[in-house]
C-alpha atoms as a PDB file:
ATOM      1  CA  MET A   1      -0.109  -0.238  -0.342  1.00  0.00           C
ATOM      2  CA  SER A   2       1.434   3.592  -0.281  1.00  0.00           C
ATOM      3  CA  MET A   3       0.294   7.142  -0.059  1.00  0.00           C
ATOM      4  CA  LYS A   4      -0.173   7.887  -3.531  1.00  0.00           C
ATOM      5  CA  HIS A   5      -2.337  10.223  -5.539  1.00  0.00           C
ATOM      6  CA  ARG A   6      -5.900   9.700  -7.564  1.00  0.00           C
ATOM      7  CA  ILE A   7      -5.310  12.178  -9.678  1.00  0.00           C
ATOM      8  CA  PHE A   8      -2.315  12.800 -11.872  1.00  0.00           C
ATOM      9  CA  ILE A   9      -2.074  15.589 -14.077  1.00  0.00           C
ATOM     10  CA  SER A  10       0.736  16.965 -16.477  1.00  0.00           C
ATOM     11  CA  GLY A  11       2.978  19.345 -14.424  1.00  0.00           C
ATOM     12  CA  ALA A  12       6.944  20.211 -14.968  1.00  0.00           C
ATOM     13  CA  ALA A  13       7.162  17.038 -17.216  1.00  0.00           C
ATOM     14  CA  ALA A  14       5.692  19.776 -20.120  1.00  0.00           C
ATOM     15  CA  ILE A  15       8.624  22.090 -19.702  1.00  0.00           C
ATOM     16  CA  ALA A  16      10.037  23.426 -23.045  1.00  0.00           C
ATOM     17  CA  TRP A  17      13.620  24.147 -23.616  1.00  0.00           C
ATOM     18  CA  SER A  18      14.371  27.666 -23.040  1.00  0.00           C
ATOM     19  CA  SER A  19      17.391  30.211 -22.463  1.00  0.00           C
ATOM     20  CA  CYS A  20      19.054  27.504 -19.895  1.00  0.00           C
ATOM     21  CA  ALA A  21      19.294  24.544 -22.433  1.00  0.00           C
ATOM     22  CA  ASP A  22      23.004  25.048 -23.089  1.00  0.00           C
ATOM     23  CA  PHE A  23      23.592  24.719 -19.394  1.00  0.00           C
ATOM     24  CA  LEU A  24      21.395  21.494 -18.810  1.00  0.00           C
ATOM     25  CA  GLY A  25      22.386  19.989 -21.830  1.00  0.00           C
ATOM     26  CA  SER A  26      26.183  20.026 -21.463  1.00  0.00           C
ATOM     27  CA  ARG A  27      28.172  19.208 -24.440  1.00  0.00           C
ATOM     28  CA  ASP A  28      30.392  16.742 -23.377  1.00  0.00           C
ATOM     29  CA  THR A  29      30.525  13.145 -25.000  1.00  0.00           C
ATOM     30  CA  ASN A  30      30.171  11.388 -22.601  1.00  0.00           C
ATOM     31  CA  THR A  31      30.561   7.672 -24.307  1.00  0.00           C
ATOM     32  CA  LEU A  32      28.271   6.158 -21.794  1.00  0.00           C
ATOM     33  CA  GLU A  33      24.969   7.051 -22.132  1.00  0.00           C
ATOM     34  CA  LEU A  34      23.595   8.153 -18.811  1.00  0.00           C
ATOM     35  CA  SER A  35      20.435  10.587 -20.187  1.00  0.00           C
ATOM     36  CA  ALA A  36      17.631   7.895 -19.265  1.00  0.00           C
ATOM     37  CA  ALA A  37      19.193   7.827 -15.349  1.00  0.00           C
ATOM     38  CA  PHE A  38      17.776  11.219 -14.755  1.00  0.00           C
ATOM     39  CA  GLN A  39      14.836  10.898 -16.670  1.00  0.00           C
ATOM     40  CA  THR A  40      12.945   8.337 -14.243  1.00  0.00           C
ATOM     41  CA  VAL A  41      13.512   7.813 -10.352  1.00  0.00           C
ATOM     42  CA  PRO A  42      14.538   4.243  -9.389  1.00  0.00           C
ATOM     43  CA  ALA A  43      11.844   1.513 -10.013  1.00  0.00           C
ATOM     44  CA  GLY A  44       9.201   1.446  -7.270  1.00  0.00           C
ATOM     45  CA  PHE A  45      10.170   4.915  -5.698  1.00  0.00           C
ATOM     46  CA  SER A  46       6.528   6.173  -6.430  1.00  0.00           C
ATOM     47  CA  ALA A  47       5.566   3.848  -3.593  1.00  0.00           C
ATOM     48  CA  SER A  48       7.002   6.319  -0.957  1.00  0.00           C
ATOM     49  CA  SER A  49       6.159   9.429  -0.307  1.00  0.00           C
ATOM     50  CA  ASN A  50       8.567  11.938  -2.069  1.00  0.00           C
ATOM     51  CA  THR A  51       8.235  15.045  -4.452  1.00  0.00           C
ATOM     52  CA  PHE A  52       8.749  13.286  -8.125  1.00  0.00           C
ATOM     53  CA  ASP A  53       5.661  12.977 -10.174  1.00  0.00           C
ATOM     54  CA  PRO A  54       4.714   9.412 -10.220  1.00  0.00           C
ATOM     55  CA  ARG A  55       5.059   9.076 -13.919  1.00  0.00           C
ATOM     56  CA  GLY A  56       8.361   9.117 -13.384  1.00  0.00           C
ATOM     57  CA  ASP A  57       8.576   5.325 -12.118  1.00  0.00           C
ATOM     58  CA  ALA A  58       8.863   3.839 -15.470  1.00  0.00           C
ATOM     59  CA  GLY A  59      11.447   0.927 -14.374  1.00  0.00           C
ATOM     60  CA  PRO A  60      14.848   0.175 -13.810  1.00  0.00           C
ATOM     61  CA  PHE A  61      17.510   2.039 -15.746  1.00  0.00           C
ATOM     62  CA  PHE A  62      19.423   0.449 -18.227  1.00  0.00           C
ATOM     63  CA  PRO A  63      22.016   1.861 -19.915  1.00  0.00           C
ATOM     64  CA  GLY A  64      22.880   2.812 -23.658  1.00  0.00           C
ATOM     65  CA  ARG A  65      25.350   1.434 -25.953  1.00  0.00           C
ATOM     66  CA  MET A  66      28.518  -0.452 -24.973  1.00  0.00           C
ATOM     67  CA  GLN A  67      31.039  -2.129 -26.687  1.00  0.00           C
ATOM     68  CA  ALA A  68      33.597  -4.678 -25.874  1.00  0.00           C
ATOM     69  CA  GLY A  69      37.606  -3.872 -25.810  1.00  0.00           C
ATOM     70  CA  PHE A  70      36.993  -0.378 -24.876  1.00  0.00           C
ATOM     71  CA  SER A  71      39.526   1.861 -23.061  1.00  0.00           C
ATOM     72  CA  ASN A  72      37.828   4.140 -20.174  1.00  0.00           C
ATOM     73  CA  SER A  73      37.476   7.743 -20.841  1.00  0.00           C
ATOM     74  CA  ALA A  74      36.474  10.562 -18.489  1.00  0.00           C
ATOM     75  CA  ASN A  75      36.920  12.744 -21.180  1.00  0.00           C
ATOM     76  CA  GLY A  76      34.893  11.483 -24.216  1.00  0.00           C
ATOM     77  CA  THR A  77      37.414   9.926 -26.100  1.00  0.00           C
ATOM     78  CA  GLY A  78      36.649   6.472 -26.215  1.00  0.00           C
ATOM     79  CA  GLY A  79      35.147   3.934 -23.754  1.00  0.00           C
ATOM     80  CA  PRO A  80      31.829   1.901 -23.888  1.00  0.00           C
ATOM     81  CA  GLY A  81      29.209   2.917 -26.295  1.00  0.00           C
ATOM     82  CA  GLY A  82      31.875   4.680 -28.420  1.00  0.00           C
ATOM     83  CA  GLY A  83      31.866   8.121 -30.016  1.00  0.00           C
ATOM     84  CA  GLY A  84      28.748   9.868 -32.008  1.00  0.00           C
ATOM     85  CA  LYS A  85      26.390  12.349 -30.759  1.00  0.00           C
ATOM     86  CA  GLY A  86      23.973  10.294 -29.867  1.00  0.00           C
ATOM     87  CA  GLU A  87      20.491  11.852 -28.168  1.00  0.00           C
ATOM     88  CA  GLY A  88      20.660  15.197 -29.167  1.00  0.00           C
ATOM     89  CA  GLY A  89      24.298  15.650 -29.129  1.00  0.00           C
ATOM     90  CA  HIS A  90      23.882  15.296 -25.110  1.00  0.00           C
ATOM     91  CA  ARG A  91      25.243  12.103 -23.277  1.00  0.00           C
ATOM     92  CA  ASP A  92      25.014  13.447 -19.700  1.00  0.00           C
ATOM     93  CA  GLY A  93      21.496  13.170 -18.666  1.00  0.00           C
ATOM     94  CA  PHE A  94      20.543  16.669 -19.017  1.00  0.00           C
ATOM     95  CA  GLY A  95      19.424  17.398 -22.049  1.00  0.00           C
ATOM     96  CA  GLY A  96      18.650  16.034 -25.278  1.00  0.00           C
ATOM     97  CA  PRO A  97      14.808  15.957 -26.524  1.00  0.00           C
ATOM     98  CA  SER A  98      13.697  12.560 -24.844  1.00  0.00           C
ATOM     99  CA  LEU A  99      13.780  14.205 -21.431  1.00  0.00           C
ATOM    100  CA  ARG A 100      10.173  14.737 -19.884  1.00  0.00           C
ATOM    101  CA  GLY A 101      11.127  17.889 -18.419  1.00  0.00           C
ATOM    102  CA  LEU A 102      14.186  19.548 -17.514  1.00  0.00           C
ATOM    103  CA  LEU A 103      13.006  18.506 -13.542  1.00  0.00           C
ATOM    104  CA  MET A 104      14.553  15.344 -12.560  1.00  0.00           C
ATOM    105  CA  GLY A 105      12.381  12.165 -12.607  1.00  0.00           C
ATOM    106  CA  GLY A 106       9.629  13.400 -14.775  1.00  0.00           C
ATOM    107  CA  GLY A 107       9.130  16.750 -12.544  1.00  0.00           C
ATOM    108  CA  LEU A 108       7.313  17.749  -9.360  1.00  0.00           C
ATOM    109  CA  GLY A 109       4.305  16.036  -8.376  1.00  0.00           C
ATOM    110  CA  PRO A 110       0.887  17.568  -8.646  1.00  0.00           C
ATOM    111  CA  ASP A 111       0.563  18.858  -5.002  1.00  0.00           C
ATOM    112  CA  PHE A 112       3.784  20.901  -5.074  1.00  0.00           C
ATOM    113  CA  LEU A 113       1.994  23.121  -8.199  1.00  0.00           C
ATOM    114  CA  GLY A 114      -1.138  23.825  -7.106  1.00  0.00           C
ATOM    115  CA  ARG A 115      -2.802  21.010  -9.213  1.00  0.00           C
ATOM    116  CA  ILE A 116      -4.962  19.455  -6.164  1.00  0.00           C
ATOM    117  CA  PRO A 117      -8.227  21.596  -5.081  1.00  0.00           C
ATOM    118  CA  PHE A 118      -9.156  21.762  -1.590  1.00  0.00           C
ATOM    119  CA  GLY A 119     -12.810  20.254  -0.898  1.00  0.00           C
ATOM    120  CA  GLY A 120     -14.680  18.587   1.531  1.00  0.00           C
ATOM    121  CA  GLY A 121     -14.161  15.295   3.505  1.00  0.00           C
ATOM    122  CA  LYS A 122     -11.202  13.312   4.579  1.00  0.00           C
ATOM    123  CA  GLY A 123      -7.588  13.779   3.229  1.00  0.00           C
ATOM    124  CA  ARG A 124      -9.222  16.937   1.167  1.00  0.00           C
ATOM    125  CA  GLY A 125      -6.529  18.920  -1.034  1.00  0.00           C
ATOM    126  CA  PRO A 126      -3.006  18.217  -1.304  1.00  0.00           C
ATOM    127  CA  PHE A 127      -1.139  15.476   0.263  1.00  0.00           C
ATOM    128  CA  GLY A 128      -4.464  14.675   1.625  1.00  0.00           C
ATOM    129  CA  TRP A 129      -5.163  11.261   0.116  1.00  0.00           C
ATOM    130  CA  PHE A 130      -4.678   7.997   1.544  1.00  0.00           C
ATOM    131  CA  HIS A 131      -6.013   4.793   2.259  1.00  0.00           C
ATOM    132  CA  LEU A 132      -6.000   2.527   5.690  1.00  0.00           C
ATOM    133  CA  PRO A 133      -7.128  -0.952   5.225  1.00  0.00           C
ATOM    134  CA  ASP A 134      -9.421  -2.477   7.936  1.00  0.00           C
ATOM    135  CA  ASN A 135      -6.682  -5.182   8.496  1.00  0.00           C
ATOM    136  CA  CYS A 136      -4.103  -2.520  10.041  1.00  0.00           C
ATOM    137  CA  THR A 137      -3.496  -2.357  13.449  1.00  0.00           C
ATOM    138  CA  PHE A 138      -2.930   0.414  16.286  1.00  0.00           C
ATOM    139  CA  SER A 139       0.049  -0.259  18.453  1.00  0.00           C
ATOM    140  CA  THR A 140      -0.332   1.250  22.022  1.00  0.00           C
ATOM    141  CA  ILE A 141       4.013   0.955  22.454  1.00  0.00           C
ATOM    142  CA  THR A 142       4.573   2.924  19.482  1.00  0.00           C
ATOM    143  CA  ALA A 143       1.482   4.746  19.014  1.00  0.00           C
ATOM    144  CA  ARG A 144       1.513   3.947  15.094  1.00  0.00           C
ATOM    145  CA  VAL A 145      -0.916   2.069  12.993  1.00  0.00           C
ATOM    146  CA  GLY A 146       1.067  -0.567  10.872  1.00  0.00           C
ATOM    147  CA  CYS A 147      -0.382  -2.351   8.171  1.00  0.00           C
ATOM    148  CA  PRO A 148       0.619  -5.631   6.345  1.00  0.00           C
ATOM    149  CA  ASP A 149       3.258  -5.668   3.937  1.00  0.00           C
ATOM    150  CA  LYS A 150       2.284  -5.641   0.363  1.00  0.00           C
ATOM    151  CA  VAL A 151       4.102  -7.436  -2.338  1.00  0.00           C
ATOM    152  CA  ARG A 152       3.943  -6.524  -5.899  1.00  0.00           C
ATOM    153  CA  ASP A 153       6.256  -6.925  -8.744  1.00  0.00           C
ATOM    154  CA  GLY A 154       8.801  -8.366  -7.104  1.00  0.00           C
ATOM    155  CA  LEU A 155       8.605  -5.249  -4.419  1.00  0.00           C
ATOM    156  CA  THR A 156       7.392  -5.386  -0.929  1.00  0.00           C
ATOM    157  CA  VAL A 157       5.925  -1.930   0.566  1.00  0.00           C
ATOM    158  CA  THR A 158       5.817  -1.731   4.330  1.00  0.00           C
ATOM    159  CA  ILE A 159       3.679   1.099   5.894  1.00  0.00           C
ATOM    160  CA  SER A 160       2.473   2.539   8.841  1.00  0.00           C
ATOM    161  CA  PHE A 161       1.064   5.867   9.885  1.00  0.00           C
ATOM    162  CA  ALA A 162       0.999   7.897  13.108  1.00  0.00           C
ATOM    163  CA  PHE A 163      -2.102  10.204  13.682  1.00  0.00           C
ATOM    164  CA  LEU A 164      -2.536  13.166  16.183  1.00  0.00           C
ATOM    165  CA  ASP A 165      -5.213  15.393  17.071  1.00  0.00           C
ATOM    166  CA  THR A 166      -4.949  19.298  17.602  1.00  0.00           C
ATOM    167  CA  VAL A 167      -3.117  18.751  20.422  1.00  0.00           C
ATOM    168  CA  GLY A 168      -1.006  15.827  19.886  1.00  0.00           C
ATOM    169  CA  VAL A 169      -2.537  12.786  21.279  1.00  0.00           C
ATOM    170  CA  PRO A 170      -2.123   9.762  19.087  1.00  0.00           C
ATOM    171  CA  GLN A 171      -5.203   8.433  17.888  1.00  0.00           C
ATOM    172  CA  PRO A 172      -5.906   4.793  16.327  1.00  0.00           C
ATOM    173  CA  LYS A 173      -7.061   6.087  12.851  1.00  0.00           C
ATOM    174  CA  PHE A 174      -8.384   9.368  10.979  1.00  0.00           C
ATOM    175  CA  ASP A 175     -10.639  11.447  12.238  1.00  0.00           C
ATOM    176  CA  THR A 176     -12.287  13.809  10.241  1.00  0.00           C
ATOM    177  CA  THR A 177     -13.592  15.704  13.396  1.00  0.00           C
ATOM    178  CA  SER A 178     -10.295  15.854  15.286  1.00  0.00           C
ATOM    179  CA  THR A 179      -7.106  14.552  13.168  1.00  0.00           C
ATOM    180  CA  ASN A 180      -4.683  17.184  12.878  1.00  0.00           C
ATOM    181  CA  SER A 181      -1.461  15.304  11.407  1.00  0.00           C
ATOM    182  CA  VAL A 182      -0.560  12.465   9.676  1.00  0.00           C
ATOM    183  CA  ASN A 183       2.892  11.038   9.634  1.00  0.00           C
ATOM    184  CA  VAL A 184       3.521   7.998   6.947  1.00  0.00           C
ATOM    185  CA  ARG A 185       6.675   5.940   7.241  1.00  0.00           C
ATOM    186  CA  THR A 186       7.311   3.473   4.006  1.00  0.00           C
ATOM    187  CA  THR A 187       9.637   1.094   2.944  1.00  0.00           C
ATOM    188  CA  VAL A 188      10.250  -0.690  -0.217  1.00  0.00           C
ATOM    189  CA  LYS A 189      12.391  -3.360  -0.971  1.00  0.00           C
ATOM    190  CA  GLY A 190      12.729  -6.376  -3.390  1.00  0.00           C
ATOM    191  CA  THR A 191      14.387  -7.059  -6.708  1.00  0.00           C
ATOM    192  CA  ARG A 192      13.283  -6.603 -10.323  1.00  0.00           C
ATOM    193  CA  VAL A 193      14.505  -8.726 -13.370  1.00  0.00           C
ATOM    194  CA  ARG A 194      14.333  -7.859 -16.547  1.00  0.00           C
ATOM    195  CA  ARG A 195      13.596 -10.191 -19.628  1.00  0.00           C
ATOM    196  CA  ASP A 196      17.081  -9.876 -20.578  1.00  0.00           C
ATOM    197  CA  SER A 197      18.127 -11.219 -17.162  1.00  0.00           C
ATOM    198  CA  SER A 198      19.480  -8.144 -15.912  1.00  0.00           C
ATOM    199  CA  VAL A 199      18.457  -7.790 -11.824  1.00  0.00           C
ATOM    200  CA  SER A 200      18.007  -4.397 -10.195  1.00  0.00           C
ATOM    201  CA  LEU A 201      18.134  -4.279  -6.098  1.00  0.00           C
ATOM    202  CA  LEU A 202      15.964  -1.879  -4.769  1.00  0.00           C
ATOM    203  CA  ASP A 203      15.934  -0.088  -1.457  1.00  0.00           C
ATOM    204  CA  HIS A 204      13.652   2.793  -0.517  1.00  0.00           C
ATOM    205  CA  ALA A 205      12.348   4.560   2.492  1.00  0.00           C
ATOM    206  CA  SER A 206      10.581   7.697   3.156  1.00  0.00           C
ATOM    207  CA  ASP A 207       9.394   9.415   6.086  1.00  0.00           C
ATOM    208  CA  ARG A 208       6.503  12.226   5.936  1.00  0.00           C
ATOM    209  CA  THR A 209       4.496  14.235   8.366  1.00  0.00           C
ATOM    210  CA  VAL A 210       1.519  16.743   7.294  1.00  0.00           C
ATOM    211  CA  SER A 211      -0.467  18.929   9.339  1.00  0.00           C
ATOM    212  CA  GLY A 212      -3.331  20.899   9.306  1.00  0.00           C
ATOM    213  CA  PHE A 213      -6.189  18.440   8.690  1.00  0.00           C
ATOM    214  CA  ALA A 214      -8.271  19.752  11.420  1.00  0.00           C
ATOM    215  CA  PRO A 215     -11.534  21.387  10.147  1.00  0.00           C
ATOM    216  CA  ARG A 216     -10.759  24.827  11.217  1.00  0.00           C
ATOM    217  CA  SER A 217      -7.226  24.781   9.647  1.00  0.00           C
ATOM    218  CA  THR A 218      -6.126  27.675   7.566  1.00  0.00           C
ATOM    219  CA  GLN A 219      -2.865  26.078   5.833  1.00  0.00           C
ATOM    220  CA  ARG A 220      -1.291  22.360   5.613  1.00  0.00           C
ATOM    221  CA  THR A 221       2.044  21.802   6.551  1.00  0.00           C
ATOM    222  CA  VAL A 222       4.447  19.040   4.742  1.00  0.00           C
ATOM    223  CA  ASN A 223       8.018  18.004   6.137  1.00  0.00           C
ATOM    224  CA  GLY A 224       9.579  14.799   5.182  1.00  0.00           C
ATOM    225  CA  THR A 225      12.621  13.081   3.370  1.00  0.00           C
ATOM    226  CA  ALA A 226      12.959   9.969   1.284  1.00  0.00           C
ATOM    227  CA  GLN A 227      15.823   7.883  -0.106  1.00  0.00           C
ATOM    228  CA  ALA A 228      15.948   5.440  -3.074  1.00  0.00           C
ATOM    229  CA  SER A 229      18.637   3.175  -4.296  1.00  0.00           C
ATOM    230  CA  GLU A 230      18.868   1.122  -7.801  1.00  0.00           C
ATOM    231  CA  ASN A 231      21.815  -1.341  -7.891  1.00  0.00           C
ATOM    232  CA  THR A 232      21.706  -3.126 -11.277  1.00  0.00           C
ATOM    233  CA  THR A 233      23.576  -5.749 -12.936  1.00  0.00           C
ATOM    234  CA  GLY A 234      23.673  -6.921 -16.388  1.00  0.00           C
ATOM    235  CA  VAL A 235      25.201  -7.567 -19.909  1.00  0.00           C
ATOM    236  CA  HIS A 236      24.794  -5.145 -22.890  1.00  0.00           C
ATOM    237  CA  ASP A 237      26.362  -5.306 -25.932  1.00  0.00           C
ATOM    238  CA  GLY A 238      28.691  -7.956 -24.537  1.00  0.00           C
ATOM    239  CA  VAL A 239      29.616  -5.930 -21.649  1.00  0.00           C
ATOM    240  CA  ALA A 240      29.308  -7.036 -18.094  1.00  0.00           C
ATOM    241  CA  PHE A 241      28.065  -3.556 -15.991  1.00  0.00           C
ATOM    242  CA  THR A 242      27.086  -2.497 -12.777  1.00  0.00           C
ATOM    243  CA  ALA A 243      24.587   0.650 -12.800  1.00  0.00           C
ATOM    244  CA  VAL A 244      23.796   2.090  -9.397  1.00  0.00           C
ATOM    245  CA  ARG A 245      21.133   5.105  -8.854  1.00  0.00           C
ATOM    246  CA  LEU A 246      20.841   6.827  -5.794  1.00  0.00           C
ATOM    247  CA  ALA A 247      18.105   9.617  -4.882  1.00  0.00           C
ATOM    248  CA  SER A 248      17.666  11.854  -1.850  1.00  0.00           C
ATOM    249  CA  ASP A 249      14.507  13.831  -1.653  1.00  0.00           C
ATOM    250  CA  THR A 250      13.888  16.512   1.497  1.00  0.00           C
ATOM    251  CA  THR A 251      10.929  18.595   1.755  1.00  0.00           C
ATOM    252  CA  ARG A 252      11.268  21.437   4.649  1.00  0.00           C
ATOM    253  CA  GLY A 253       8.484  23.891   5.632  1.00  0.00           C
ATOM    254  CA  LEU A 254       6.256  23.229   2.952  1.00  0.00           C
ATOM    255  CA  VAL A 255       3.048  25.482   3.511  1.00  0.00           C
ATOM    256  CA  ILE A 256       0.067  25.337   1.455  1.00  0.00           C
ATOM    257  CA  PRO A 257      -3.243  27.875   2.278  1.00  0.00           C
ATOM    258  CA  ILE A 258      -6.343  25.958   2.691  1.00  0.00           C
ATOM    259  CA  ARG A 259      -8.968  27.620   0.388  1.00  0.00           C
ATOM    260  CA  ASP A 260     -12.133  25.331  -0.556  1.00  0.00           C
ATOM    261  CA  GLY A 261     -12.795  24.545  -3.849  1.00  0.00           C
ATOM    262  CA  HIS A 262      -9.858  25.838  -5.317  1.00  0.00           C
ATOM    263  CA  PRO A 263      -5.786  24.804  -5.704  1.00  0.00           C
ATOM    264  CA  THR A 264      -3.401  26.919  -3.807  1.00  0.00           C
ATOM    265  CA  LEU A 265       0.350  27.250  -4.496  1.00  0.00           C
ATOM    266  CA  PRO A 266       2.981  26.940  -1.430  1.00  0.00           C
ATOM    267  CA  THR A 267       3.575  30.246   0.057  1.00  0.00           C
ATOM    268  CA  ALA A 268       6.661  28.905   1.961  1.00  0.00           C
ATOM    269  CA  GLY A 269       9.226  25.731   2.011  1.00  0.00           C
ATOM    270  CA  VAL A 270      12.154  24.350   0.338  1.00  0.00           C
ATOM    271  CA  VAL A 271      12.394  21.137  -1.734  1.00  0.00           C
ATOM    272  CA  VAL A 272      15.937  19.435  -1.940  1.00  0.00           C
ATOM    273  CA  ARG A 273      16.191  16.665  -4.558  1.00  0.00           C
ATOM    274  CA  THR A 274      19.421  14.997  -5.707  1.00  0.00           C
ATOM    275  CA  MET A 275      20.162  12.012  -7.991  1.00  0.00           C
ATOM    276  CA  ALA A 276      23.494  10.359  -9.013  1.00  0.00           C
ATOM    277  CA  VAL A 277      24.103   7.343 -11.274  1.00  0.00           C
ATOM    278  CA  THR A 278      27.454   5.473 -11.506  1.00  0.00           C
ATOM    279  CA  ILE A 279      27.970   3.061 -14.432  1.00  0.00           C
ATOM    280  CA  THR A 280      31.046   0.468 -14.159  1.00  0.00           C
ATOM    281  CA  PRO A 281      31.769  -1.843 -16.901  1.00  0.00           C
ATOM    282  CA  GLU A 282      33.546  -5.192 -16.227  1.00  0.00           C
ATOM    283  CA  GLY A 283      37.071  -4.116 -16.305  1.00  0.00           C
ATOM    284  CA  GLY A 284      36.793  -0.670 -16.649  1.00  0.00           C
ATOM    285  CA  GLU A 285      36.277   2.308 -14.593  1.00  0.00           C
ATOM    286  CA  PRO A 286      33.335   3.802 -13.015  1.00  0.00           C
ATOM    287  CA  THR A 287      31.624   6.931 -15.007  1.00  0.00           C
ATOM    288  CA  SER A 288      29.511   8.815 -12.934  1.00  0.00           C
ATOM    289  CA  ARG A 289      26.887  11.642 -13.039  1.00  0.00           C
ATOM    290  CA  SER A 290      24.833  13.856 -10.581  1.00  0.00           C
ATOM    291  CA  ARG A 291      22.467  16.765 -10.228  1.00  0.00           C
ATOM    292  CA  ARG A 292      20.787  18.663  -7.308  1.00  0.00           C
ATOM    293  CA  GLU A 293      17.741  20.803  -7.616  1.00  0.00           C
ATOM    294  CA  GLN A 294      16.993  23.270  -4.638  1.00  0.00           C
ATOM    295  CA  ILE A 295      13.342  24.454  -5.298  1.00  0.00           C
ATOM    296  CA  THR A 296      11.792  27.398  -3.046  1.00  0.00           C
ATOM    297  CA  PHE A 297       8.493  28.413  -2.815  1.00  0.00           C
ATOM    298  CA  ASP A 298       7.110  32.094  -1.888  1.00  0.00           C
ATOM    299  CA  GLY A 299       3.368  32.287  -2.918  1.00  0.00           C
ATOM    300  CA  SER A 300       3.919  33.466  -6.261  1.00  0.00           C
ATOM    301  CA  ASN A 301       3.653  31.629  -9.677  1.00  0.00           C
ATOM    302  CA  VAL A 302       7.488  31.966  -9.991  1.00  0.00           C
ATOM    303  CA  ILE A 303       9.187  29.286  -8.455  1.00  0.00           C
ATOM    304  CA  LYS A 304      13.132  29.583  -7.955  1.00  0.00           C
ATOM    305  CA  ILE A 305      15.077  26.375  -8.699  1.00  0.00           C
ATOM    306  CA  MET A 306      18.906  26.380  -8.219  1.00  0.00           C
ATOM    307  CA  ILE A 307      20.376  23.591 -10.233  1.00  0.00           C
ATOM    308  CA  THR A 308      23.735  22.152  -9.450  1.00  0.00           C
ATOM    309  CA  GLN A 309      24.837  19.908 -12.263  1.00  0.00           C
ATOM    310  CA  ASN A 310      28.318  18.024 -11.718  1.00  0.00           C
ATOM    311  CA  GLY A 311      29.281  20.938  -9.648  1.00  0.00           C
ATOM    312  CA  VAL A 312      28.320  23.720 -11.853  1.00  0.00           C
ATOM    313  CA  THR A 313      25.137  25.967 -10.289  1.00  0.00           C
ATOM    314  CA  LYS A 314      23.078  27.826 -12.133  1.00  0.00           C
ATOM    315  CA  ASN A 315      20.069  30.118 -10.616  1.00  0.00           C
ATOM    316  CA  CYS A 316      16.656  29.554 -12.562  1.00  0.00           C
ATOM    317  CA  THR A 317      12.860  29.898 -12.272  1.00  0.00           C
ATOM    318  CA  LEU A 318       9.920  27.922 -13.491  1.00  0.00           C
ATOM    319  CA  THR A 319       6.720  30.033 -14.049  1.00  0.00           C
ATOM    320  CA  VAL A 320       3.446  28.142 -13.619  1.00  0.00           C
ATOM    321  CA  PRO A 321       1.225  27.057 -14.968  1.00  0.00           C
ATOM    322  CA  GLY A 322       2.470  26.181 -17.857  1.00  0.00           C
ATOM    323  CA  GLY A 323       5.667  28.297 -18.186  1.00  0.00           C
ATOM    324  CA  LYS A 324       9.094  27.790 -19.071  1.00  0.00           C
ATOM    325  CA  LEU A 325      12.357  26.914 -16.850  1.00  0.00           C
ATOM    326  CA  GLU A 326      14.237  30.429 -17.542  1.00  0.00           C
ATOM    327  CA  CYS A 327      18.048  30.025 -16.162  1.00  0.00           C
ATOM    328  CA  GLU A 328      20.644  32.761 -16.050  1.00  0.00           C
END
């Protein structure tokens, strides 16, 4: 079971190319095709609570062309995959026409972009929908509600909840008249095997607290962390390889005003997302790339985003809805 939203609406994934395309689409000719590693999130990560659009969970990353008899190349002069321009001339995962958007992993989830309206009833509004099966049980020792593991597609999802009323007293279930905050802890572990026999070991976890569910609340506040690990071994183009993707995600002090019947943008808060990928061909040296996105909300429709790519930082803005990502 997972705290997943019922409504998935196009968000930052539709961002068009802008003046910062050269920065985000680095021109180096890295011979390992790492582009797809930043288009998606580690497989199964959408079962946890994080800031990525759930549509970015498209399966384990698998590297592009690799060639036997390579010499390692950190400067793009040889190695697995050979030369060539590849995808739009971009080989480092931050450019090329097949990227879903210039934000990692398919972009931000709709809750962060003012795309989920508030309404009546339990779980109304952004970060408010969750399902508690009847076979979950409340522990007076931990003050948490634990649910049986859910197993699907080789993954085991373990989830627990903590419900608190307006004065911080633990509750055995969500009460629409008195529950004010909900904490959700999720772990996702397991193995995915592709048809080509490559194997991906997955290990994810998240911890998110949302407050402001009480009937007279004027705002919803979100804090949370999430981590993901995807470790894949396989053979491609006759070359055995290991591909490791790591992701981290932190939400601090995200505040969303409550306006019944209307979606609203966060008026405060910071989201920090990082991803890193390392590919190691058998007998060769590892090749790594990384990216960090710091997203700051201030209530306006111009969201500030500081992007650090392989040690180089640019200040950018994203205008919503439907705007472009513009960088200095």
